[in-house]
Amino acid sequence: MLEGKAVMGETDMKQTMKEDALSLAAKALDCFDVTEPTQIARFIKKEFDRKYGLGWQCIAGTHFGSFLTHCSGCFIHFSVGNLTILLFKGSAGEVESGPTV
């Protein structure tokens, strides 16, 4: 588990979903090298799609910006070392004032 190792950015997820995100990130980092951020993102996204329904998006990397609209309760942004992970479920609704990373 990445608790204590992950630096939490913004999140509006419930604790159990947040723990799932951190757990899956830990598993992804066990399976893939940190230099393979696309594989890490794919792994986390597919697992969240499977567990919480389709529509999840995941970005992993060291340098990126974002501006997005997400479903309420479905956003997390955290870092592990130099790797930053952004996981969210997209929304086609009105633009919410939320975090930009």
PDB file of N, CA and C in Angstrom:
ATOM      1  N   MET A   1       0.844  -1.181   0.000  1.00  0.00           N
ATOM      2  CA  MET A   1       0.000   0.000   0.000  1.00  0.00           C
ATOM      3  C   MET A   1       0.885   1.237   0.000  1.00  0.00           C
ATOM      4  N   LEU A   2       0.404   2.278  -0.648  1.00  0.00           N
ATOM      5  CA  LEU A   2       1.189   3.496  -0.762  1.00  0.00           C
ATOM      6  C   LEU A   2       0.908   4.513   0.333  1.00  0.00           C
ATOM      7  N   GLU A   3       0.014   4.187   1.285  1.00  0.00           N
ATOM      8  CA  GLU A   3      -0.243   5.117   2.377  1.00  0.00           C
ATOM      9  C   GLU A   3       1.090   5.457   3.035  1.00  0.00           C
ATOM     10  N   GLY A   4       1.333   6.718   3.225  1.00  0.00           N
ATOM     11  CA  GLY A   4       2.595   7.150   3.808  1.00  0.00           C
ATOM     12  C   GLY A   4       3.666   7.399   2.771  1.00  0.00           C
ATOM     13  N   LYS A   5       3.604   6.722   1.627  1.00  0.00           N
ATOM     14  CA  LYS A   5       4.567   6.919   0.551  1.00  0.00           C
ATOM     15  C   LYS A   5       4.012   7.861  -0.508  1.00  0.00           C
ATOM     16  N   ALA A   6       2.702   7.895  -0.636  1.00  0.00           N
ATOM     17  CA  ALA A   6       2.056   8.760  -1.622  1.00  0.00           C
ATOM     18  C   ALA A   6       1.840  10.139  -1.018  1.00  0.00           C
ATOM     19  N   VAL A   7       2.053  11.151  -1.847  1.00  0.00           N
ATOM     20  CA  VAL A   7       1.759  12.517  -1.453  1.00  0.00           C
ATOM     21  C   VAL A   7       0.430  12.871  -2.099  1.00  0.00           C
ATOM     22  N   MET A   8      -0.577  13.073  -1.260  1.00  0.00           N
ATOM     23  CA  MET A   8      -1.920  13.308  -1.758  1.00  0.00           C
ATOM     24  C   MET A   8      -2.072  14.743  -2.223  1.00  0.00           C
ATOM     25  N   GLY A   9      -2.602  14.888  -3.424  1.00  0.00           N
ATOM     26  CA  GLY A   9      -2.978  16.204  -3.935  1.00  0.00           C
ATOM     27  C   GLY A   9      -4.446  16.408  -3.622  1.00  0.00           C
ATOM     28  N   GLU A  10      -5.203  16.775  -4.618  1.00  0.00           N
ATOM     29  CA  GLU A  10      -6.638  16.974  -4.453  1.00  0.00           C
ATOM     30  C   GLU A  10      -7.378  15.650  -4.607  1.00  0.00           C
ATOM     31  N   THR A  11      -8.469  15.495  -3.879  1.00  0.00           N
ATOM     32  CA  THR A  11      -9.347  14.347  -4.054  1.00  0.00           C
ATOM     33  C   THR A  11     -10.720  14.672  -3.495  1.00  0.00           C
ATOM     34  N   ASP A  12     -11.734  14.084  -4.102  1.00  0.00           N
ATOM     35  CA  ASP A  12     -13.067  14.170  -3.530  1.00  0.00           C
ATOM     36  C   ASP A  12     -13.675  12.770  -3.399  1.00  0.00           C
ATOM     37  N   MET A  13     -12.808  11.754  -3.476  1.00  0.00           N
ATOM     38  CA  MET A  13     -13.255  10.365  -3.376  1.00  0.00           C
ATOM     39  C   MET A  13     -13.528   9.983  -1.925  1.00  0.00           C
ATOM     40  N   LYS A  14     -14.456   9.051  -1.767  1.00  0.00           N
ATOM     41  CA  LYS A  14     -14.672   8.455  -0.451  1.00  0.00           C
ATOM     42  C   LYS A  14     -13.423   7.655  -0.087  1.00  0.00           C
ATOM     43  N   GLN A  15     -13.238   7.423   1.184  1.00  0.00           N
ATOM     44  CA  GLN A  15     -12.034   6.761   1.684  1.00  0.00           C
ATOM     45  C   GLN A  15     -11.794   5.391   1.029  1.00  0.00           C
ATOM     46  N   THR A  16     -12.839   4.587   0.876  1.00  0.00           N
ATOM     47  CA  THR A  16     -12.648   3.243   0.311  1.00  0.00           C
ATOM     48  C   THR A  16     -12.175   3.310  -1.139  1.00  0.00           C
ATOM     49  N   MET A  17     -12.731   4.230  -1.922  1.00  0.00           N
ATOM     50  CA  MET A  17     -12.323   4.374  -3.314  1.00  0.00           C
ATOM     51  C   MET A  17     -10.888   4.915  -3.391  1.00  0.00           C
ATOM     52  N   LYS A  18     -10.571   5.838  -2.509  1.00  0.00           N
ATOM     53  CA  LYS A  18      -9.213   6.386  -2.440  1.00  0.00           C
ATOM     54  C   LYS A  18      -8.213   5.272  -2.113  1.00  0.00           C
ATOM     55  N   GLU A  19      -8.563   4.413  -1.160  1.00  0.00           N
ATOM     56  CA  GLU A  19      -7.690   3.293  -0.805  1.00  0.00           C
ATOM     57  C   GLU A  19      -7.515   2.345  -1.989  1.00  0.00           C
ATOM     58  N   ASP A  20      -8.590   2.121  -2.761  1.00  0.00           N
ATOM     59  CA  ASP A  20      -8.484   1.287  -3.963  1.00  0.00           C
ATOM     60  C   ASP A  20      -7.516   1.905  -4.967  1.00  0.00           C
ATOM     61  N   ALA A  21      -7.598   3.210  -5.158  1.00  0.00           N
ATOM     62  CA  ALA A  21      -6.702   3.893  -6.101  1.00  0.00           C
ATOM     63  C   ALA A  21      -5.245   3.734  -5.681  1.00  0.00           C
ATOM     64  N   LEU A  22      -4.973   3.928  -4.402  1.00  0.00           N
ATOM     65  CA  LEU A  22      -3.598   3.792  -3.906  1.00  0.00           C
ATOM     66  C   LEU A  22      -3.116   2.348  -3.995  1.00  0.00           C
ATOM     67  N   SER A  23      -3.992   1.411  -3.681  1.00  0.00           N
ATOM     68  CA  SER A  23      -3.643  -0.005  -3.759  1.00  0.00           C
ATOM     69  C   SER A  23      -3.328  -0.417  -5.199  1.00  0.00           C
ATOM     70  N   LEU A  24      -4.164   0.029  -6.130  1.00  0.00           N
ATOM     71  CA  LEU A  24      -3.930  -0.303  -7.540  1.00  0.00           C
ATOM     72  C   LEU A  24      -2.660   0.357  -8.065  1.00  0.00           C
ATOM     73  N   ALA A  25      -2.375   1.553  -7.607  1.00  0.00           N
ATOM     74  CA  ALA A  25      -1.129   2.209  -8.012  1.00  0.00           C
ATOM     75  C   ALA A  25       0.074   1.412  -7.504  1.00  0.00           C
ATOM     76  N   ALA A  26      -0.017   0.916  -6.277  1.00  0.00           N
ATOM     77  CA  ALA A  26       1.067   0.096  -5.723  1.00  0.00           C
ATOM     78  C   ALA A  26       1.250  -1.179  -6.550  1.00  0.00           C
ATOM     79  N   LYS A  27       0.138  -1.830  -6.909  1.00  0.00           N
ATOM     80  CA  LYS A  27       0.217  -3.042  -7.734  1.00  0.00           C
ATOM     81  C   LYS A  27       0.809  -2.723  -9.093  1.00  0.00           C
ATOM     82  N   ALA A  28       0.384  -1.613  -9.682  1.00  0.00           N
ATOM     83  CA  ALA A  28       0.904  -1.217 -10.996  1.00  0.00           C
ATOM     84  C   ALA A  28       2.407  -0.967 -10.927  1.00  0.00           C
ATOM     85  N   LEU A  29       2.862  -0.342  -9.854  1.00  0.00           N
ATOM     86  CA  LEU A  29       4.293  -0.077  -9.702  1.00  0.00           C
ATOM     87  C   LEU A  29       5.083  -1.348  -9.430  1.00  0.00           C
ATOM     88  N   ASP A  30       4.425  -2.372  -8.908  1.00  0.00           N
ATOM     89  CA  ASP A  30       5.070  -3.676  -8.756  1.00  0.00           C
ATOM     90  C   ASP A  30       5.201  -4.383 -10.101  1.00  0.00           C
ATOM     91  N   CYS A  31       4.220  -4.163 -10.978  1.00  0.00           N
ATOM     92  CA  CYS A  31       4.182  -4.847 -12.278  1.00  0.00           C
ATOM     93  C   CYS A  31       4.969  -4.115 -13.365  1.00  0.00           C
ATOM     94  N   PHE A  32       5.015  -2.800 -13.280  1.00  0.00           N
ATOM     95  CA  PHE A  32       5.628  -1.999 -14.343  1.00  0.00           C
ATOM     96  C   PHE A  32       6.674  -1.067 -13.765  1.00  0.00           C
ATOM     97  N   ASP A  33       7.672  -0.772 -14.571  1.00  0.00           N
ATOM     98  CA  ASP A  33       8.704   0.177 -14.176  1.00  0.00           C
ATOM     99  C   ASP A  33       8.121   1.588 -14.195  1.00  0.00           C
ATOM    100  N   VAL A  34       8.612   2.443 -13.347  1.00  0.00           N
ATOM    101  CA  VAL A  34       8.128   3.822 -13.280  1.00  0.00           C
ATOM    102  C   VAL A  34       8.336   4.552 -14.609  1.00  0.00           C
ATOM    103  N   THR A  35       9.221   4.032 -15.457  1.00  0.00           N
ATOM    104  CA  THR A  35       9.453   4.629 -16.776  1.00  0.00           C
ATOM    105  C   THR A  35       8.401   4.204 -17.796  1.00  0.00           C
ATOM    106  N   GLU A  36       7.390   3.435 -17.370  1.00  0.00           N
ATOM    107  CA  GLU A  36       6.295   2.993 -18.237  1.00  0.00           C
ATOM    108  C   GLU A  36       4.963   3.580 -17.758  1.00  0.00           C
ATOM    109  N   PRO A  37       4.835   4.914 -17.736  1.00  0.00           N
ATOM    110  CA  PRO A  37       3.626   5.514 -17.176  1.00  0.00           C
ATOM    111  C   PRO A  37       2.349   5.156 -17.934  1.00  0.00           C
ATOM    112  N   THR A  38       2.431   4.911 -19.233  1.00  0.00           N
ATOM    113  CA  THR A  38       1.241   4.533 -19.993  1.00  0.00           C
ATOM    114  C   THR A  38       0.705   3.189 -19.525  1.00  0.00           C
ATOM    115  N   GLN A  39       1.586   2.236 -19.255  1.00  0.00           N
ATOM    116  CA  GLN A  39       1.172   0.922 -18.761  1.00  0.00           C
ATOM    117  C   GLN A  39       0.555   1.036 -17.367  1.00  0.00           C
ATOM    118  N   ILE A  40       1.130   1.881 -16.537  1.00  0.00           N
ATOM    119  CA  ILE A  40       0.607   2.105 -15.188  1.00  0.00           C
ATOM    120  C   ILE A  40      -0.793   2.699 -15.267  1.00  0.00           C
ATOM    121  N   ALA A  41      -0.959   3.728 -16.104  1.00  0.00           N
ATOM    122  CA  ALA A  41      -2.266   4.373 -16.271  1.00  0.00           C
ATOM    123  C   ALA A  41      -3.301   3.394 -16.813  1.00  0.00           C
ATOM    124  N   ARG A  42      -2.915   2.591 -17.805  1.00  0.00           N
ATOM    125  CA  ARG A  42      -3.834   1.609 -18.394  1.00  0.00           C
ATOM    126  C   ARG A  42      -4.310   0.614 -17.338  1.00  0.00           C
ATOM    127  N   PHE A  43      -3.383   0.117 -16.539  1.00  0.00           N
ATOM    128  CA  PHE A  43      -3.710  -0.854 -15.494  1.00  0.00           C
ATOM    129  C   PHE A  43      -4.734  -0.278 -14.512  1.00  0.00           C
ATOM    130  N   ILE A  44      -4.467   0.927 -14.001  1.00  0.00           N
ATOM    131  CA  ILE A  44      -5.359   1.543 -13.014  1.00  0.00           C
ATOM    132  C   ILE A  44      -6.715   1.838 -13.632  1.00  0.00           C
ATOM    133  N   LYS A  45      -6.737   2.390 -14.831  1.00  0.00           N
ATOM    134  CA  LYS A  45      -7.987   2.729 -15.513  1.00  0.00           C
ATOM    135  C   LYS A  45      -8.862   1.504 -15.728  1.00  0.00           C
ATOM    136  N   LYS A  46      -8.268   0.429 -16.244  1.00  0.00           N
ATOM    137  CA  LYS A  46      -9.046  -0.784 -16.515  1.00  0.00           C
ATOM    138  C   LYS A  46      -9.622  -1.380 -15.237  1.00  0.00           C
ATOM    139  N   GLU A  47      -8.864  -1.355 -14.158  1.00  0.00           N
ATOM    140  CA  GLU A  47      -9.356  -1.893 -12.895  1.00  0.00           C
ATOM    141  C   GLU A  47     -10.488  -1.038 -12.322  1.00  0.00           C
ATOM    142  N   PHE A  48     -10.377   0.277 -12.441  1.00  0.00           N
ATOM    143  CA  PHE A  48     -11.469   1.135 -11.972  1.00  0.00           C
ATOM    144  C   PHE A  48     -12.705   0.977 -12.853  1.00  0.00           C
ATOM    145  N   ASP A  49     -12.517   0.839 -14.164  1.00  0.00           N
ATOM    146  CA  ASP A  49     -13.659   0.562 -15.053  1.00  0.00           C
ATOM    147  C   ASP A  49     -14.361  -0.728 -14.632  1.00  0.00           C
ATOM    148  N   ARG A  50     -13.584  -1.747 -14.318  1.00  0.00           N
ATOM    149  CA  ARG A  50     -14.148  -3.037 -13.937  1.00  0.00           C
ATOM    150  C   ARG A  50     -14.912  -2.943 -12.609  1.00  0.00           C
ATOM    151  N   LYS A  51     -14.322  -2.259 -11.650  1.00  0.00           N
ATOM    152  CA  LYS A  51     -14.909  -2.222 -10.307  1.00  0.00           C
ATOM    153  C   LYS A  51     -15.998  -1.155 -10.137  1.00  0.00           C
ATOM    154  N   TYR A  52     -15.826  -0.001 -10.794  1.00  0.00           N
ATOM    155  CA  TYR A  52     -16.734   1.124 -10.553  1.00  0.00           C
ATOM    156  C   TYR A  52     -17.516   1.564 -11.796  1.00  0.00           C
ATOM    157  N   GLY A  53     -17.474   0.777 -12.857  1.00  0.00           N
ATOM    158  CA  GLY A  53     -18.207   1.123 -14.065  1.00  0.00           C
ATOM    159  C   GLY A  53     -17.352   1.876 -15.063  1.00  0.00           C
ATOM    160  N   LEU A  54     -17.765   1.846 -16.318  1.00  0.00           N
ATOM    161  CA  LEU A  54     -16.985   2.450 -17.398  1.00  0.00           C
ATOM    162  C   LEU A  54     -16.934   3.973 -17.298  1.00  0.00           C
ATOM    163  N   GLY A  55     -15.932   4.544 -17.920  1.00  0.00           N
ATOM    164  CA  GLY A  55     -15.816   5.997 -18.013  1.00  0.00           C
ATOM    165  C   GLY A  55     -14.644   6.596 -17.266  1.00  0.00           C
ATOM    166  N   TRP A  56     -13.825   5.761 -16.639  1.00  0.00           N
ATOM    167  CA  TRP A  56     -12.671   6.260 -15.889  1.00  0.00           C
ATOM    168  C   TRP A  56     -11.544   6.638 -16.833  1.00  0.00           C
ATOM    169  N   GLN A  57     -10.792   7.649 -16.449  1.00  0.00           N
ATOM    170  CA  GLN A  57      -9.619   8.107 -17.188  1.00  0.00           C
ATOM    171  C   GLN A  57      -8.455   8.169 -16.206  1.00  0.00           C
ATOM    172  N   CYS A  58      -7.276   7.818 -16.667  1.00  0.00           N
ATOM    173  CA  CYS A  58      -6.099   7.861 -15.801  1.00  0.00           C
ATOM    174  C   CYS A  58      -4.929   8.437 -16.586  1.00  0.00           C
ATOM    175  N   ILE A  59      -4.242   9.353 -15.958  1.00  0.00           N
ATOM    176  CA  ILE A  59      -3.043   9.957 -16.529  1.00  0.00           C
ATOM    177  C   ILE A  59      -1.932   9.722 -15.527  1.00  0.00           C
ATOM    178  N   ALA A  60      -0.801   9.246 -16.005  1.00  0.00           N
ATOM    179  CA  ALA A  60       0.358   9.033 -15.139  1.00  0.00           C
ATOM    180  C   ALA A  60       1.583   9.584 -15.850  1.00  0.00           C
ATOM    181  N   GLY A  61       2.416  10.273 -15.129  1.00  0.00           N
ATOM    182  CA  GLY A  61       3.618  10.818 -15.743  1.00  0.00           C
ATOM    183  C   GLY A  61       4.337  11.757 -14.801  1.00  0.00           C
ATOM    184  N   THR A  62       5.318  12.434 -15.354  1.00  0.00           N
ATOM    185  CA  THR A  62       6.129  13.337 -14.543  1.00  0.00           C
ATOM    186  C   THR A  62       5.869  14.805 -14.860  1.00  0.00           C
ATOM    187  N   HIS A  63       5.425  15.109 -16.075  1.00  0.00           N
ATOM    188  CA  HIS A  63       5.168  16.495 -16.460  1.00  0.00           C
ATOM    189  C   HIS A  63       3.913  16.556 -17.316  1.00  0.00           C
ATOM    190  N   PHE A  64       2.827  17.041 -16.763  1.00  0.00           N
ATOM    191  CA  PHE A  64       1.622  17.240 -17.548  1.00  0.00           C
ATOM    192  C   PHE A  64       0.731  18.258 -16.848  1.00  0.00           C
ATOM    193  N   GLY A  65      -0.114  18.869 -17.621  1.00  0.00           N
ATOM    194  CA  GLY A  65      -1.119  19.773 -17.083  1.00  0.00           C
ATOM    195  C   GLY A  65      -2.480  19.208 -17.435  1.00  0.00           C
ATOM    196  N   SER A  66      -3.505  19.692 -16.770  1.00  0.00           N
ATOM    197  CA  SER A  66      -4.841  19.216 -17.088  1.00  0.00           C
ATOM    198  C   SER A  66      -5.873  20.261 -16.696  1.00  0.00           C
ATOM    199  N   PHE A  67      -6.992  20.191 -17.351  1.00  0.00           N
ATOM    200  CA  PHE A  67      -8.178  20.956 -16.993  1.00  0.00           C
ATOM    201  C   PHE A  67      -9.333  20.073 -17.398  1.00  0.00           C
ATOM    202  N   LEU A  68     -10.143  19.644 -16.454  1.00  0.00           N
ATOM    203  CA  LEU A  68     -11.143  18.632 -16.766  1.00  0.00           C
ATOM    204  C   LEU A  68     -12.402  18.825 -15.957  1.00  0.00           C
ATOM    205  N   THR A  69     -13.444  18.155 -16.410  1.00  0.00           N
ATOM    206  CA  THR A  69     -14.707  18.096 -15.689  1.00  0.00           C
ATOM    207  C   THR A  69     -14.890  16.652 -15.256  1.00  0.00           C
ATOM    208  N   HIS A  70     -15.204  16.451 -13.991  1.00  0.00           N
ATOM    209  CA  HIS A  70     -15.326  15.094 -13.467  1.00  0.00           C
ATOM    210  C   HIS A  70     -16.614  14.928 -12.693  1.00  0.00           C
ATOM    211  N   CYS A  71     -17.033  13.696 -12.560  1.00  0.00           N
ATOM    212  CA  CYS A  71     -18.202  13.377 -11.743  1.00  0.00           C
ATOM    213  C   CYS A  71     -17.852  13.600 -10.279  1.00  0.00           C
ATOM    214  N   SER A  72     -18.789  14.111  -9.550  1.00  0.00           N
ATOM    215  CA  SER A  72     -18.584  14.352  -8.130  1.00  0.00           C
ATOM    216  C   SER A  72     -18.222  13.050  -7.417  1.00  0.00           C
ATOM    217  N   GLY A  73     -17.189  13.110  -6.581  1.00  0.00           N
ATOM    218  CA  GLY A  73     -16.755  11.939  -5.827  1.00  0.00           C
ATOM    219  C   GLY A  73     -15.857  10.998  -6.602  1.00  0.00           C
ATOM    220  N   CYS A  74     -15.414  11.419  -7.784  1.00  0.00           N
ATOM    221  CA  CYS A  74     -14.650  10.529  -8.675  1.00  0.00           C
ATOM    222  C   CYS A  74     -13.367  11.184  -9.173  1.00  0.00           C
ATOM    223  N   PHE A  75     -12.612  11.797  -8.278  1.00  0.00           N
ATOM    224  CA  PHE A  75     -11.372  12.479  -8.662  1.00  0.00           C
ATOM    225  C   PHE A  75     -10.314  12.262  -7.593  1.00  0.00           C
ATOM    226  N   ILE A  76      -9.097  11.911  -8.057  1.00  0.00           N
ATOM    227  CA  ILE A  76      -7.956  11.822  -7.141  1.00  0.00           C
ATOM    228  C   ILE A  76      -6.689  12.187  -7.904  1.00  0.00           C
ATOM    229  N   HIS A  77      -5.823  12.883  -7.217  1.00  0.00           N
ATOM    230  CA  HIS A  77      -4.535  13.308  -7.763  1.00  0.00           C
ATOM    231  C   HIS A  77      -3.494  13.079  -6.669  1.00  0.00           C
ATOM    232  N   PHE A  78      -2.474  12.258  -6.964  1.00  0.00           N
ATOM    233  CA  PHE A  78      -1.441  11.987  -5.972  1.00  0.00           C
ATOM    234  C   PHE A  78      -0.121  11.688  -6.662  1.00  0.00           C
ATOM    235  N   SER A  79       0.951  11.751  -5.904  1.00  0.00           N
ATOM    236  CA  SER A  79       2.290  11.490  -6.429  1.00  0.00           C
ATOM    237  C   SER A  79       2.975  10.421  -5.603  1.00  0.00           C
ATOM    238  N   VAL A  80       3.777   9.632  -6.286  1.00  0.00           N
ATOM    239  CA  VAL A  80       4.644   8.642  -5.657  1.00  0.00           C
ATOM    240  C   VAL A  80       6.030   8.902  -6.223  1.00  0.00           C
ATOM    241  N   GLY A  81       6.908   9.441  -5.400  1.00  0.00           N
ATOM    242  CA  GLY A  81       8.202   9.855  -5.922  1.00  0.00           C
ATOM    243  C   GLY A  81       7.983  10.917  -6.989  1.00  0.00           C
ATOM    244  N   ASN A  82       8.584  10.722  -8.164  1.00  0.00           N
ATOM    245  CA  ASN A  82       8.436  11.673  -9.263  1.00  0.00           C
ATOM    246  C   ASN A  82       7.219  11.406 -10.136  1.00  0.00           C
ATOM    247  N   LEU A  83       6.538  10.281  -9.913  1.00  0.00           N
ATOM    248  CA  LEU A  83       5.397   9.904 -10.737  1.00  0.00           C
ATOM    249  C   LEU A  83       4.105  10.489 -10.157  1.00  0.00           C
ATOM    250  N   THR A  84       3.369  11.194 -10.998  1.00  0.00           N
ATOM    251  CA  THR A  84       2.085  11.756 -10.588  1.00  0.00           C
ATOM    252  C   THR A  84       0.972  10.986 -11.280  1.00  0.00           C
ATOM    253  N   ILE A  85      -0.094  10.706 -10.537  1.00  0.00           N
ATOM    254  CA  ILE A  85      -1.236   9.967 -11.068  1.00  0.00           C
ATOM    255  C   ILE A  85      -2.493  10.792 -10.875  1.00  0.00           C
ATOM    256  N   LEU A  86      -3.245  10.923 -11.944  1.00  0.00           N
ATOM    257  CA  LEU A  86      -4.518  11.623 -11.953  1.00  0.00           C
ATOM    258  C   LEU A  86      -5.562  10.632 -12.435  1.00  0.00           C
ATOM    259  N   LEU A  87      -6.552  10.356 -11.610  1.00  0.00           N
ATOM    260  CA  LEU A  87      -7.593   9.381 -11.917  1.00  0.00           C
ATOM    261  C   LEU A  87      -8.942  10.045 -11.705  1.00  0.00           C
ATOM    262  N   PHE A  88      -9.815   9.949 -12.717  1.00  0.00           N
ATOM    263  CA  PHE A  88     -11.116  10.583 -12.600  1.00  0.00           C
ATOM    264  C   PHE A  88     -12.115   9.927 -13.534  1.00  0.00           C
ATOM    265  N   LYS A  89     -13.382  10.104 -13.202  1.00  0.00           N
ATOM    266  CA  LYS A  89     -14.458   9.665 -14.078  1.00  0.00           C
ATOM    267  C   LYS A  89     -14.999  10.917 -14.744  1.00  0.00           C
ATOM    268  N   GLY A  90     -14.952  10.931 -16.070  1.00  0.00           N
ATOM    269  CA  GLY A  90     -15.344  12.111 -16.824  1.00  0.00           C
ATOM    270  C   GLY A  90     -16.819  12.434 -16.687  1.00  0.00           C
ATOM    271  N   SER A  91     -17.121  13.702 -16.939  1.00  0.00           N
ATOM    272  CA  SER A  91     -18.498  14.178 -16.889  1.00  0.00           C
ATOM    273  C   SER A  91     -18.735  15.105 -18.060  1.00  0.00           C
ATOM    274  N   ALA A  92     -19.900  14.995 -18.658  1.00  0.00           N
ATOM    275  CA  ALA A  92     -20.269  15.875 -19.762  1.00  0.00           C
ATOM    276  C   ALA A  92     -21.134  17.028 -19.261  1.00  0.00           C
ATOM    277  N   GLY A  93     -21.284  17.132 -17.952  1.00  0.00           N
ATOM    278  CA  GLY A  93     -22.129  18.154 -17.366  1.00  0.00           C
ATOM    279  C   GLY A  93     -21.462  19.518 -17.385  1.00  0.00           C
ATOM    280  N   GLU A  94     -22.073  20.447 -16.673  1.00  0.00           N
ATOM    281  CA  GLU A  94     -21.531  21.792 -16.576  1.00  0.00           C
ATOM    282  C   GLU A  94     -20.158  21.747 -15.921  1.00  0.00           C
ATOM    283  N   VAL A  95     -19.339  22.695 -16.292  1.00  0.00           N
ATOM    284  CA  VAL A  95     -17.994  22.789 -15.725  1.00  0.00           C
ATOM    285  C   VAL A  95     -18.117  23.109 -14.243  1.00  0.00           C
ATOM    286  N   GLU A  96     -17.539  22.244 -13.438  1.00  0.00           N
ATOM    287  CA  GLU A  96     -17.520  22.449 -11.998  1.00  0.00           C
ATOM    288  C   GLU A  96     -16.248  23.201 -11.644  1.00  0.00           C
ATOM    289  N   SER A  97     -16.304  24.019 -10.638  1.00  0.00           N
ATOM    290  CA  SER A  97     -15.063  24.638 -10.191  1.00  0.00           C
ATOM    291  C   SER A  97     -14.360  23.612  -9.326  1.00  0.00           C
ATOM    292  N   GLY A  98     -13.329  23.060  -9.868  1.00  0.00           N
ATOM    293  CA  GLY A  98     -12.592  22.016  -9.173  1.00  0.00           C
ATOM    294  C   GLY A  98     -11.116  22.197  -9.391  1.00  0.00           C
ATOM    295  N   PRO A  99     -10.337  21.289  -8.900  1.00  0.00           N
ATOM    296  CA  PRO A  99      -8.888  21.421  -9.001  1.00  0.00           C
ATOM    297  C   PRO A  99      -8.402  21.291 -10.429  1.00  0.00           C
ATOM    298  N   THR A 100      -7.387  22.037 -10.748  1.00  0.00           N
ATOM    299  CA  THR A 100      -6.673  21.849 -12.004  1.00  0.00           C
ATOM    300  C   THR A 100      -5.267  21.430 -11.644  1.00  0.00           C
ATOM    301  N   VAL A 101      -4.753  20.514 -12.379  1.00  0.00           N
ATOM    302  CA  VAL A 101      -3.429  19.971 -12.089  1.00  0.00           C
ATOM    303  C   VAL A 101      -2.542  20.221 -13.275  1.00  0.00           C
TER     304      VAL A 101
END
